[in-house]
N, C-alpha and C. Protein backbone atom coordinates (compact mmCIF):
# COMPACT_ATOMS: atom_id res chain seq x y z
N MET A 1 281.95 157.18 -75.52
CA MET A 1 282.19 158.45 -75.89
C MET A 1 283.24 158.54 -76.75
N GLU A 2 283.25 159.29 -77.93
CA GLU A 2 284.27 159.52 -78.85
C GLU A 2 285.32 160.30 -78.25
N GLN A 3 286.58 160.06 -78.70
CA GLN A 3 287.76 160.80 -78.25
C GLN A 3 288.43 161.31 -79.47
N ASN A 4 289.15 162.51 -79.41
CA ASN A 4 290.01 162.84 -80.44
C ASN A 4 291.38 163.14 -79.82
N GLU A 5 292.27 163.66 -80.48
CA GLU A 5 293.71 163.80 -79.99
C GLU A 5 293.80 164.84 -78.76
N ASN A 6 292.75 165.69 -78.69
CA ASN A 6 292.78 166.80 -77.59
C ASN A 6 291.78 166.42 -76.50
N GLY A 7 291.10 165.32 -76.50
CA GLY A 7 290.18 164.96 -75.37
C GLY A 7 288.88 164.56 -75.95
N PRO A 8 288.00 164.43 -75.01
CA PRO A 8 286.59 163.88 -75.35
C PRO A 8 285.79 164.80 -76.34
N LYS A 9 285.12 164.28 -77.27
CA LYS A 9 284.15 164.92 -78.06
C LYS A 9 282.92 165.26 -77.18
N ILE A 10 282.48 166.44 -76.99
CA ILE A 10 281.30 166.74 -76.18
C ILE A 10 280.05 166.80 -76.91
N ASN A 11 279.11 165.97 -76.69
CA ASN A 11 277.77 166.16 -77.32
C ASN A 11 277.01 167.26 -76.61
N ASP A 12 276.89 168.33 -77.32
CA ASP A 12 276.21 169.62 -76.62
C ASP A 12 274.86 169.22 -76.22
N GLY A 13 274.14 168.44 -76.89
CA GLY A 13 272.79 168.02 -76.64
C GLY A 13 272.70 167.41 -75.22
N ARG A 14 273.64 166.58 -74.95
CA ARG A 14 273.59 165.89 -73.72
C ARG A 14 274.10 166.72 -72.47
N TYR A 15 275.11 167.44 -72.76
CA TYR A 15 275.78 168.24 -71.72
C TYR A 15 275.52 169.70 -71.68
N ALA A 16 274.54 170.17 -72.51
CA ALA A 16 274.22 171.58 -72.69
C ALA A 16 273.94 172.26 -71.38
N GLY A 17 274.44 173.31 -70.92
CA GLY A 17 274.10 174.05 -69.73
C GLY A 17 274.80 173.41 -68.46
N ARG A 18 275.59 172.28 -68.61
CA ARG A 18 276.18 171.61 -67.48
C ARG A 18 277.73 172.02 -67.35
N TRP A 19 278.31 171.63 -66.13
CA TRP A 19 279.66 171.79 -66.07
C TRP A 19 280.22 170.28 -66.06
N LEU A 20 281.32 170.12 -66.79
CA LEU A 20 281.97 168.85 -66.84
C LEU A 20 283.35 168.90 -66.11
N ALA A 21 283.71 167.76 -65.52
CA ALA A 21 284.93 167.58 -64.79
C ALA A 21 285.69 166.55 -65.61
N ILE A 22 287.02 166.90 -65.98
CA ILE A 22 287.80 166.08 -66.87
C ILE A 22 289.01 165.70 -66.15
N ASP A 23 289.27 164.37 -66.27
CA ASP A 23 290.57 163.75 -65.56
C ASP A 23 291.72 164.25 -66.49
N PRO A 24 292.64 165.08 -65.81
CA PRO A 24 293.68 165.60 -66.71
C PRO A 24 294.62 164.59 -67.28
N ALA A 25 294.76 163.35 -66.61
CA ALA A 25 295.68 162.26 -66.95
C ALA A 25 295.01 161.47 -68.10
N THR A 26 293.83 161.33 -68.12
CA THR A 26 293.19 160.41 -69.16
C THR A 26 292.32 161.27 -70.18
N ARG A 27 292.03 162.46 -69.80
CA ARG A 27 291.15 163.21 -70.66
C ARG A 27 289.78 162.76 -70.76
N ASP A 28 289.32 161.95 -69.80
CA ASP A 28 288.01 161.42 -69.66
C ASP A 28 287.05 162.28 -69.01
N ILE A 29 285.91 162.38 -69.30
CA ILE A 29 284.84 163.03 -68.51
C ILE A 29 284.52 162.19 -67.34
N ILE A 30 284.69 162.62 -66.18
CA ILE A 30 284.58 161.83 -64.93
C ILE A 30 283.38 162.15 -64.12
N ALA A 31 282.92 163.44 -64.34
CA ALA A 31 281.68 163.90 -63.57
C ALA A 31 280.95 165.10 -64.25
N GLU A 32 279.83 165.32 -63.98
CA GLU A 32 279.13 166.43 -64.57
C GLU A 32 278.14 167.03 -63.46
N GLY A 33 277.68 168.34 -63.52
CA GLY A 33 276.83 168.92 -62.65
C GLY A 33 276.39 170.27 -63.04
N ASP A 34 275.26 170.58 -62.42
CA ASP A 34 274.68 171.95 -62.67
C ASP A 34 275.49 173.05 -62.43
N THR A 35 276.45 172.96 -61.44
CA THR A 35 277.32 174.00 -61.03
C THR A 35 278.80 173.44 -61.17
N LEU A 36 279.71 174.42 -61.14
CA LEU A 36 281.11 174.07 -61.14
C LEU A 36 281.44 173.21 -59.83
N GLU A 37 280.91 173.79 -58.58
CA GLU A 37 281.17 173.03 -57.36
C GLU A 37 280.64 171.71 -57.46
N ASP A 38 279.41 171.44 -57.91
CA ASP A 38 278.87 170.13 -57.92
C ASP A 38 279.77 169.21 -58.69
N ALA A 39 280.09 169.56 -59.97
CA ALA A 39 280.88 168.70 -60.70
C ALA A 39 282.20 168.42 -60.21
N ARG A 40 282.86 169.46 -59.64
CA ARG A 40 284.18 169.32 -58.96
C ARG A 40 284.09 168.41 -57.76
N ASP A 41 283.10 168.47 -56.97
CA ASP A 41 282.98 167.66 -55.74
C ASP A 41 282.74 166.25 -56.22
N ARG A 42 282.01 165.96 -57.27
CA ARG A 42 281.75 164.54 -57.78
C ARG A 42 283.07 164.02 -58.21
N ALA A 43 283.86 164.87 -58.89
CA ALA A 43 285.09 164.31 -59.32
C ALA A 43 286.17 164.01 -58.24
N ARG A 44 286.14 164.84 -57.25
CA ARG A 44 286.98 164.65 -56.14
C ARG A 44 286.62 163.33 -55.34
N SER A 45 285.31 163.13 -55.36
CA SER A 45 284.79 161.97 -54.64
C SER A 45 285.12 160.68 -55.45
N ARG A 46 285.54 160.80 -56.64
CA ARG A 46 285.92 159.75 -57.47
C ARG A 46 287.56 159.63 -57.51
N GLY A 47 288.07 160.39 -56.67
CA GLY A 47 289.63 160.38 -56.53
C GLY A 47 290.46 161.22 -57.42
N VAL A 48 289.83 162.16 -58.11
CA VAL A 48 290.63 163.09 -58.99
C VAL A 48 290.50 164.51 -58.20
N ALA A 49 291.75 164.72 -57.65
CA ALA A 49 291.71 165.98 -56.80
C ALA A 49 291.69 167.26 -57.37
N ASN A 50 292.20 167.43 -58.66
CA ASN A 50 292.39 168.61 -59.37
C ASN A 50 291.82 168.41 -60.83
N PRO A 51 290.54 168.18 -61.11
CA PRO A 51 290.10 167.83 -62.49
C PRO A 51 290.03 169.30 -63.20
N LEU A 52 290.11 169.00 -64.35
CA LEU A 52 289.90 170.28 -65.41
C LEU A 52 288.39 170.49 -65.61
N MET A 53 288.01 171.69 -65.37
CA MET A 53 286.64 172.04 -65.31
C MET A 53 286.44 172.77 -66.60
N HIS A 54 285.08 172.40 -67.30
CA HIS A 54 284.75 172.80 -68.58
C HIS A 54 283.31 173.10 -68.61
N PRO A 55 282.70 174.37 -68.75
CA PRO A 55 281.35 174.64 -68.87
C PRO A 55 281.01 174.47 -70.38
N VAL A 56 279.80 173.82 -70.56
CA VAL A 56 279.17 173.56 -71.74
C VAL A 56 277.97 174.65 -71.93
N PRO A 57 278.08 175.44 -72.94
CA PRO A 57 277.02 176.49 -73.26
C PRO A 57 275.83 175.82 -73.53
N ARG A 58 274.55 176.36 -73.33
CA ARG A 58 273.34 175.87 -73.75
C ARG A 58 273.39 176.07 -75.22
N SER A 59 272.67 175.05 -75.98
CA SER A 59 272.64 175.17 -77.29
C SER A 59 271.91 176.46 -77.94
N ASP A 60 271.22 177.04 -77.19
CA ASP A 60 270.66 178.40 -77.58
C ASP A 60 271.45 179.62 -77.50
N ARG A 61 272.75 179.35 -76.89
CA ARG A 61 273.63 180.51 -76.83
C ARG A 61 274.79 180.35 -77.71
N SER A 62 275.24 181.59 -78.16
CA SER A 62 276.41 181.44 -79.15
C SER A 62 277.76 181.81 -78.15
N PHE A 63 278.92 181.33 -78.76
CA PHE A 63 280.02 181.59 -78.08
C PHE A 63 281.07 181.91 -79.21
N ILE A 64 281.68 183.13 -79.08
CA ILE A 64 282.75 183.47 -79.99
C ILE A 64 283.97 183.62 -79.33
N GLY A 65 285.04 182.81 -79.75
CA GLY A 65 286.34 182.92 -79.07
C GLY A 65 287.27 183.69 -79.94
N ILE A 66 288.06 184.59 -79.44
CA ILE A 66 288.98 185.45 -80.09
C ILE A 66 290.44 185.08 -79.62
N ALA A 67 291.19 184.79 -80.61
CA ALA A 67 292.52 184.42 -80.24
C ALA A 67 293.44 185.65 -80.55
């Protein structure tokens, strides 16, 4: 998986519609799941108590962020 200075580059085709758990120390994706709870539980079972959680939108949905 490619990384940039801000963390992993997410391939939307692979993770579309899924929840990702990211290790805050390494910024690696450590688990994925259909729900937040599923991905979080998988991350915790791998020893990461408080993973960063990230939803990946489906490729057919748009997201507009406003700062």
